[in-house]
Amino acid sequence: MLAPGRGSVIAVVTVVLWAPQARATLTLYNNNCVSCHSTATTTCDGCHAHGVHSSDAKTDINLTGRTDKVSYVAGSPVKVTVNAGDQTGWVRVVLLDQNLKELARKSCPGGTGGCTTSATPITLTTPAPATAGTYIWAVAWYGNDFDTNGASFGSGTSSSLKVGFFSADVNNPNHGYQTVALPAFTVSAASAGPAITLEPASLDFQTVVIGAPRKLTTQVHNAGNAALDLTSIGLCSGTPTTLSWTPSAPASVAPGASLTLSVFYTPTAADALPTASCLVIANTDPANAAIELSVSGAGSSGFTFEPPIGCSSAGSTGSFVGLAALLALVARRRSRRAQAADLVRNPQAIRWH
């Protein structure tokens, strides 16, 4: 733990060290970007110099994308997570198909930045192709092309996506797309009838305070080519009634569509859910007519308290002992500071013994 007074000294030194870089970044943004973009919410990753490299050396392209699975049923959701850059701030990220046609994008409302909701890592979701086969999709970072001399822009072309390449936006000077390929994935034909899948197939509530409900969700997806009917949703044998859900059955899911199932856990005691706890969803998929959603979690009689740096890392689960001790310490220190300030203002208050 830092001695009294040292924290403030370190803070001053930190500000001095970072101030030149902060001013330089702000000057660059203000001189080149504010005519089109936000003056209040700036970005570093929106510029090629920081948005696609792993360090200030700028000798690589660290734009990456990964799919959540390696195989999909036609029409089922494909989730792609995109990461890039060595700084922070808003960006635009685009998901492209095998012909470099845009499938999905994530950007700030209006498309001109200025938000805090479009920063990497970013997840994009779109349906898998309708035709069975092997596919290589791509992801692209979009932003200002400013960079230092000699910085990498990739050496590939649209026909060699794995190397990565930069393409200028002919409709927006000084901007463009840095594009890289995703790993290949396969798609199998959809079932002739309804086909149910759960994404995710299990929910872990971890530790929940007694009486305070926590909600998690799963997507009930129909990967078939006929309507999927959910005829009932119930608790598996041995699963306690501390679990509830919405919506209730019956419900219908169109081919290629998904339904959000919200599950609530409201523990009544400080113990864990039984090992085999689950919900069972009866449906009209002939190959999986009673699919199970596994559920885990435990109740706690209090908050899980993680102490600050410099204290024990053991924590205190199920009681307020650790939190109370910390609050008492803070109160004592505040009280002493207040007393000292009073004596400075009113020396006559000093009692001599």
Protein backbone atom coordinates (compact mmCIF):
# COMPACT_ATOMS: atom_id res chain seq x y z
CA MET A 1 0.00 0.00 0.00
CA LEU A 2 1.34 3.47 -0.84
CA ALA A 3 2.41 5.71 2.00
CA PRO A 4 0.25 8.84 2.55
CA GLY A 5 1.10 11.47 -0.01
CA ARG A 6 2.93 9.21 -2.47
CA GLY A 7 -0.16 8.53 -4.54
CA SER A 8 -0.54 12.22 -5.39
CA VAL A 9 3.13 12.53 -6.39
CA ILE A 10 2.88 9.56 -8.75
CA ALA A 11 -0.30 10.96 -10.25
CA VAL A 12 1.44 14.26 -11.06
CA VAL A 13 4.37 12.44 -12.67
CA THR A 14 2.00 10.34 -14.77
CA VAL A 15 0.22 13.42 -16.07
CA VAL A 16 3.50 15.04 -17.02
CA LEU A 17 4.68 11.94 -18.88
CA TRP A 18 1.48 11.44 -20.85
CA ALA A 19 0.59 15.07 -21.52
CA PRO A 20 2.75 15.53 -24.69
CA GLN A 21 1.30 12.41 -26.34
CA ALA A 22 -2.25 13.43 -25.40
CA ARG A 23 -1.74 16.93 -26.83
CA ALA A 24 -0.22 15.55 -30.04
CA THR A 25 -3.10 13.13 -30.57
CA LEU A 26 -5.69 15.79 -29.86
CA THR A 27 -3.98 18.25 -32.22
CA LEU A 28 -3.91 15.70 -35.04
CA TYR A 29 -7.59 14.90 -34.57
CA ASN A 30 -8.62 18.55 -34.24
CA ASN A 31 -6.66 19.60 -37.31
CA ASN A 32 -7.87 16.84 -39.60
CA CYS A 33 -11.08 15.25 -38.34
CA VAL A 34 -13.42 17.61 -36.50
CA SER A 35 -14.77 19.13 -39.71
CA CYS A 36 -16.69 15.86 -40.22
CA HIS A 37 -16.52 14.14 -36.84
CA SER A 38 -17.34 14.74 -33.20
CA THR A 39 -15.46 17.43 -31.30
CA ALA A 40 -16.41 15.82 -27.98
CA THR A 41 -15.69 12.10 -28.47
CA THR A 42 -12.38 11.56 -30.24
CA THR A 43 -10.74 8.35 -31.45
CA CYS A 44 -7.26 6.95 -31.94
CA ASP A 45 -8.25 3.57 -33.42
CA GLY A 46 -10.23 5.34 -36.15
CA CYS A 47 -6.92 6.30 -37.75
CA HIS A 48 -4.85 3.68 -39.61
CA ALA A 49 -1.77 4.68 -37.58
CA HIS A 50 -3.32 3.13 -34.47
CA GLY A 51 -6.36 1.19 -35.65
CA VAL A 52 -4.76 -1.81 -37.38
CA HIS A 53 -1.26 -2.15 -35.88
CA SER A 54 -0.16 -3.94 -32.71
CA SER A 55 2.35 -1.24 -31.68
CA ASP A 56 3.87 2.09 -32.63
CA ALA A 57 6.34 0.22 -34.85
CA LYS A 58 3.45 -0.15 -37.34
CA THR A 59 5.18 -3.01 -39.14
CA ASP A 60 2.27 -5.45 -38.98
CA ILE A 61 -1.48 -5.71 -39.50
CA ASN A 62 -3.15 -7.02 -36.35
CA LEU A 63 -6.72 -6.82 -37.62
CA THR A 64 -8.22 -10.25 -36.85
CA GLY A 65 -11.58 -11.94 -37.00
CA ARG A 66 -12.81 -15.29 -35.74
CA THR A 67 -16.07 -17.18 -36.12
CA ASP A 68 -17.76 -18.74 -33.10
CA LYS A 69 -17.81 -22.18 -34.79
CA VAL A 70 -16.15 -24.01 -37.68
CA SER A 71 -19.36 -25.47 -39.13
CA TYR A 72 -22.92 -24.24 -39.44
CA VAL A 73 -26.30 -25.36 -40.65
CA ALA A 74 -27.58 -23.27 -43.54
CA GLY A 75 -29.35 -20.18 -42.22
CA SER A 76 -28.08 -20.53 -38.63
CA PRO A 77 -26.41 -17.53 -36.94
CA VAL A 78 -22.71 -16.90 -37.64
CA LYS A 79 -21.07 -14.75 -34.97
CA VAL A 80 -17.79 -13.06 -35.88
CA THR A 81 -15.63 -11.25 -33.30
CA VAL A 82 -13.26 -8.59 -34.67
CA ASN A 83 -10.28 -7.07 -32.90
CA ALA A 84 -7.61 -4.62 -34.03
CA GLY A 85 -5.41 -1.71 -33.08
CA ASP A 86 -3.20 -0.65 -30.21
CA GLN A 87 -5.21 2.28 -28.88
CA THR A 88 -8.89 3.05 -28.14
CA GLY A 89 -11.84 4.87 -29.65
CA TRP A 90 -14.68 4.41 -32.08
CA VAL A 91 -14.25 2.58 -35.36
CA ARG A 92 -16.29 1.12 -38.21
CA VAL A 93 -16.02 -2.64 -38.78
CA VAL A 94 -17.58 -4.48 -41.72
CA LEU A 95 -18.27 -8.20 -42.31
CA LEU A 96 -17.89 -9.28 -45.95
CA ASP A 97 -18.87 -12.49 -47.74
CA GLN A 98 -16.68 -14.56 -50.07
CA ASN A 99 -17.32 -12.04 -52.87
CA LEU A 100 -16.46 -9.06 -50.62
CA LYS A 101 -20.10 -8.06 -50.44
CA GLU A 102 -21.09 -6.39 -47.16
CA LEU A 103 -23.10 -8.62 -44.83
CA ALA A 104 -23.09 -6.60 -41.61
CA ARG A 105 -21.42 -3.59 -40.05
CA LYS A 106 -20.88 -1.96 -36.68
CA SER A 107 -20.46 1.81 -36.52
CA CYS A 108 -21.65 4.82 -34.57
CA PRO A 109 -25.20 6.07 -35.27
CA GLY A 110 -25.11 8.19 -38.41
CA GLY A 111 -21.86 6.62 -39.56
CA THR A 112 -19.59 9.54 -38.66
CA GLY A 113 -18.26 8.38 -35.30
CA GLY A 114 -18.48 10.26 -32.05
CA CYS A 115 -19.81 7.41 -29.88
CA THR A 116 -18.57 4.98 -27.24
CA THR A 117 -20.57 1.98 -28.46
CA SER A 118 -18.48 0.96 -31.48
CA ALA A 119 -15.01 0.04 -30.22
CA THR A 120 -13.12 -3.22 -30.63
CA PRO A 121 -13.60 -6.02 -29.86
CA ILE A 122 -16.78 -6.01 -31.93
CA THR A 123 -19.14 -8.93 -32.62
CA LEU A 124 -21.15 -9.09 -35.83
CA THR A 125 -23.91 -11.64 -36.49
CA THR A 126 -25.47 -12.74 -39.77
CA PRO A 127 -27.12 -15.93 -41.10
CA ALA A 128 -24.95 -18.64 -42.63
CA PRO A 129 -25.23 -19.08 -46.42
CA ALA A 130 -28.23 -21.02 -47.68
CA THR A 131 -26.10 -23.31 -49.85
CA ALA A 132 -23.89 -26.04 -48.40
CA GLY A 133 -20.16 -25.69 -48.93
CA THR A 134 -16.90 -24.20 -47.61
CA TYR A 135 -16.67 -20.44 -47.25
CA ILE A 136 -13.99 -17.84 -46.55
CA TRP A 137 -15.46 -14.54 -45.44
CA ALA A 138 -13.54 -11.40 -44.54
CA VAL A 139 -13.63 -8.51 -42.08
CA ALA A 140 -12.60 -4.94 -42.73
CA TRP A 141 -11.62 -1.98 -40.57
CA TYR A 142 -12.70 1.35 -42.06
CA GLY A 143 -11.16 4.71 -41.23
CA ASN A 144 -8.68 7.45 -42.05
CA ASP A 145 -5.63 6.22 -43.96
CA PHE A 146 -3.12 8.49 -42.16
CA ASP A 147 -0.01 6.55 -41.14
CA THR A 148 3.74 7.03 -40.82
CA ASN A 149 6.09 6.45 -43.72
CA GLY A 150 6.95 2.78 -44.14
CA ALA A 151 3.98 1.53 -42.12
CA SER A 152 2.41 -1.73 -43.24
CA PHE A 153 -0.82 -1.67 -45.24
CA GLY A 154 -0.69 -5.40 -46.02
CA SER A 155 0.62 -7.00 -49.18
CA GLY A 156 -2.32 -8.99 -50.41
CA THR A 157 -5.11 -8.45 -52.90
CA SER A 158 -8.80 -9.29 -53.05
CA SER A 159 -7.84 -12.72 -54.40
CA SER A 160 -5.35 -13.41 -51.58
CA LEU A 161 -7.29 -12.25 -48.58
CA LYS A 162 -5.24 -14.07 -45.99
CA VAL A 163 -2.36 -11.63 -46.41
CA GLY A 164 -4.62 -8.63 -46.03
CA PHE A 165 -4.88 -5.52 -48.20
CA PHE A 166 -5.94 -1.87 -48.08
CA SER A 167 -8.41 -0.39 -50.57
CA ALA A 168 -9.20 3.31 -50.77
CA ASP A 169 -12.76 4.59 -50.59
CA VAL A 170 -13.24 6.46 -53.87
CA ASN A 171 -16.22 8.31 -52.39
CA ASN A 172 -14.41 9.55 -49.27
CA PRO A 173 -10.88 10.99 -49.72
CA ASN A 174 -8.19 9.83 -47.27
CA HIS A 175 -10.32 6.93 -46.05
CA GLY A 176 -10.45 3.25 -46.87
CA TYR A 177 -10.79 -0.38 -45.84
CA GLN A 178 -8.13 -2.63 -44.32
CA THR A 179 -9.34 -6.16 -45.10
CA VAL A 180 -8.29 -9.61 -43.87
CA ALA A 181 -9.77 -13.06 -44.32
CA LEU A 182 -11.54 -15.15 -41.71
CA PRO A 183 -10.69 -18.83 -41.21
CA ALA A 184 -12.63 -21.11 -43.55
CA PHE A 185 -15.89 -22.62 -42.26
CA THR A 186 -18.34 -25.14 -43.65
CA VAL A 187 -22.09 -25.03 -44.11
CA SER A 188 -24.35 -28.08 -44.25
CA ALA A 189 -27.81 -28.18 -45.79
CA ALA A 190 -30.75 -27.30 -43.60
CA SER A 191 -33.00 -30.08 -42.41
CA ALA A 192 -36.11 -30.83 -44.39
CA GLY A 193 -38.21 -29.91 -41.37
CA PRO A 194 -37.63 -27.73 -38.30
CA ALA A 195 -34.24 -28.00 -36.53
CA ILE A 196 -33.68 -26.56 -33.08
CA THR A 197 -30.38 -25.25 -31.67
CA LEU A 198 -29.58 -23.26 -28.52
CA GLU A 199 -26.96 -20.50 -28.52
CA PRO A 200 -25.53 -20.86 -25.90
CA ALA A 201 -26.51 -24.37 -24.85
CA SER A 202 -25.83 -23.66 -21.14
CA LEU A 203 -26.17 -20.74 -18.74
CA ASP A 204 -23.90 -20.08 -15.75
CA PHE A 205 -25.32 -17.56 -13.27
CA GLN A 206 -22.23 -17.84 -11.04
CA THR A 207 -22.98 -16.31 -7.61
CA VAL A 208 -26.28 -14.49 -7.07
CA VAL A 209 -27.43 -12.69 -3.91
CA ILE A 210 -30.43 -14.31 -2.23
CA GLY A 211 -33.67 -12.69 -3.33
CA ALA A 212 -32.05 -10.65 -6.12
CA PRO A 213 -33.00 -12.18 -9.50
CA ARG A 214 -30.39 -12.34 -12.25
CA LYS A 215 -31.27 -12.76 -15.93
CA LEU A 216 -29.35 -14.61 -18.66
CA THR A 217 -30.55 -15.34 -22.18
CA THR A 218 -30.18 -17.94 -24.88
CA GLN A 219 -31.25 -17.91 -28.51
CA VAL A 220 -33.62 -20.66 -29.60
CA HIS A 221 -32.77 -20.93 -33.29
CA ASN A 222 -34.58 -22.76 -36.05
CA ALA A 223 -31.96 -24.00 -38.53
CA GLY A 224 -34.53 -25.95 -40.55
CA ASN A 225 -36.74 -24.96 -43.46
CA ALA A 226 -40.11 -25.34 -41.73
CA ALA A 227 -41.66 -23.58 -38.74
CA LEU A 228 -40.43 -24.78 -35.33
CA ASP A 229 -43.12 -24.99 -32.68
CA LEU A 230 -42.17 -24.89 -28.98
CA THR A 231 -44.93 -26.84 -27.31
CA SER A 232 -43.78 -26.54 -23.69
CA ILE A 233 -40.92 -25.28 -21.50
CA GLY A 234 -40.40 -26.74 -18.05
CA LEU A 235 -37.94 -27.64 -15.33
CA CYS A 236 -35.94 -30.83 -15.63
CA SER A 237 -36.39 -33.40 -12.88
CA GLY A 238 -34.72 -32.24 -9.66
CA THR A 239 -34.36 -28.61 -10.78
CA PRO A 240 -35.64 -26.14 -8.14
CA THR A 241 -38.33 -23.54 -8.76
CA THR A 242 -35.86 -20.73 -8.14
CA LEU A 243 -35.55 -20.73 -11.95
CA SER A 244 -38.17 -19.07 -14.13
CA TRP A 245 -38.31 -17.94 -17.76
CA THR A 246 -40.05 -15.88 -20.38
CA PRO A 247 -41.73 -16.23 -22.82
CA SER A 248 -43.80 -19.24 -21.99
CA ALA A 249 -44.82 -21.87 -24.52
CA PRO A 250 -46.47 -22.34 -26.92
CA ALA A 251 -44.38 -20.28 -29.32
CA SER A 252 -43.29 -20.55 -32.93
CA VAL A 253 -39.95 -19.82 -34.61
CA ALA A 254 -39.83 -19.27 -38.38
CA PRO A 255 -37.18 -21.00 -40.53
CA GLY A 256 -33.82 -19.26 -40.08
CA ALA A 257 -35.15 -17.13 -37.21
CA SER A 258 -34.42 -17.11 -33.49
CA LEU A 259 -36.39 -16.55 -30.30
CA THR A 260 -34.80 -15.02 -27.19
CA LEU A 261 -35.46 -17.12 -24.11
CA SER A 262 -34.80 -15.18 -20.88
CA VAL A 263 -34.05 -17.27 -17.80
CA PHE A 264 -34.16 -15.83 -14.27
CA TYR A 265 -32.45 -17.23 -11.19
CA THR A 266 -33.72 -16.01 -7.80
CA PRO A 267 -31.96 -18.02 -5.07
CA THR A 268 -33.67 -18.47 -1.72
CA ALA A 269 -30.71 -20.01 0.15
CA ALA A 270 -26.93 -19.86 0.14
CA ASP A 271 -26.37 -23.06 -1.80
CA ALA A 272 -25.72 -24.17 -5.35
CA LEU A 273 -28.17 -25.40 -7.93
CA PRO A 274 -28.15 -29.20 -8.28
CA THR A 275 -25.57 -30.46 -10.78
CA ALA A 276 -28.09 -31.58 -13.41
CA SER A 277 -30.30 -28.47 -13.28
CA CYS A 278 -31.82 -27.57 -16.62
CA LEU A 279 -34.84 -26.45 -18.59
CA VAL A 280 -36.39 -28.86 -21.07
CA ILE A 281 -37.94 -27.44 -24.24
CA ALA A 282 -40.42 -29.70 -26.02
CA ASN A 283 -40.64 -28.87 -29.72
CA THR A 284 -41.45 -30.18 -33.16
CA ASP A 285 -37.91 -30.97 -34.31
CA PRO A 286 -38.16 -34.72 -34.97
CA ALA A 287 -34.46 -35.22 -34.28
CA ASN A 288 -34.42 -33.32 -30.96
CA ALA A 289 -37.95 -33.20 -29.62
CA ALA A 290 -36.91 -32.40 -26.02
CA ILE A 291 -33.78 -30.25 -25.97
CA GLU A 292 -32.23 -29.33 -22.60
CA LEU A 293 -30.71 -26.01 -21.54
CA SER A 294 -28.17 -26.66 -18.76
CA VAL A 295 -28.18 -24.15 -15.91
CA SER A 296 -25.69 -23.63 -13.05
CA GLY A 297 -25.27 -21.09 -10.27
CA ALA A 298 -25.28 -20.58 -6.51
CA GLY A 299 -26.99 -18.35 -3.98
CA SER A 300 -25.12 -16.08 -1.59
CA SER A 301 -26.22 -14.30 1.57
CA GLY A 302 -24.27 -11.18 0.66
CA PHE A 303 -22.05 -9.53 -1.91
CA THR A 304 -18.79 -11.04 -3.07
CA PHE A 305 -16.31 -8.42 -1.93
CA GLU A 306 -12.96 -8.07 -3.66
CA PRO A 307 -10.60 -5.96 -1.50
CA PRO A 308 -8.50 -3.19 -3.03
CA ILE A 309 -4.91 -3.61 -4.17
CA GLY A 310 -2.61 -3.99 -1.20
CA CYS A 311 -5.10 -5.98 0.86
CA SER A 312 -5.74 -9.71 1.03
CA SER A 313 -7.10 -11.17 -2.21
CA ALA A 314 -9.15 -13.80 -0.41
CA GLY A 315 -12.29 -11.67 -0.40
CA SER A 316 -15.34 -12.22 1.77
CA THR A 317 -18.31 -14.05 0.26
CA GLY A 318 -21.66 -14.23 1.98
CA SER A 319 -21.12 -11.43 4.50
CA PHE A 320 -20.39 -7.74 4.74
CA VAL A 321 -17.41 -8.14 7.08
CA GLY A 322 -14.74 -7.11 4.56
CA LEU A 323 -16.82 -4.26 3.17
CA ALA A 324 -17.70 -3.01 6.65
CA ALA A 325 -14.06 -3.03 7.69
CA LEU A 326 -13.04 -1.01 4.65
CA LEU A 327 -15.84 1.52 5.17
CA ALA A 328 -14.93 1.88 8.83
CA LEU A 329 -11.30 2.57 7.91
CA VAL A 330 -12.33 5.22 5.40
CA ALA A 331 -14.65 6.82 7.95
CA ARG A 332 -11.90 6.96 10.59
CA ARG A 333 -9.47 8.60 8.17
CA ARG A 334 -12.05 11.14 7.08
CA SER A 335 -12.86 11.89 10.72
CA ARG A 336 -9.19 12.49 11.56
CA ARG A 337 -8.76 14.79 8.58
CA ALA A 338 -11.87 16.74 9.57
CA GLN A 339 -10.60 17.08 13.16
CA ALA A 340 -7.24 18.33 11.94
CA ALA A 341 -8.91 20.90 9.70
CA ASP A 342 -11.05 22.10 12.62
CA LEU A 343 -7.98 22.61 14.79
CA VAL A 344 -6.31 24.66 12.05
CA ARG A 345 -9.38 26.87 11.79
CA ASN A 346 -9.91 27.01 15.59
CA PRO A 347 -6.68 26.54 17.61
CA GLN A 348 -8.56 27.37 20.82
CA ALA A 349 -10.28 23.99 20.51
CA ILE A 350 -7.03 22.22 21.45
CA ARG A 351 -7.28 20.61 24.89
CA TRP A 352 -4.05 20.53 26.89
CA HIS A 353 -3.55 17.73 29.36
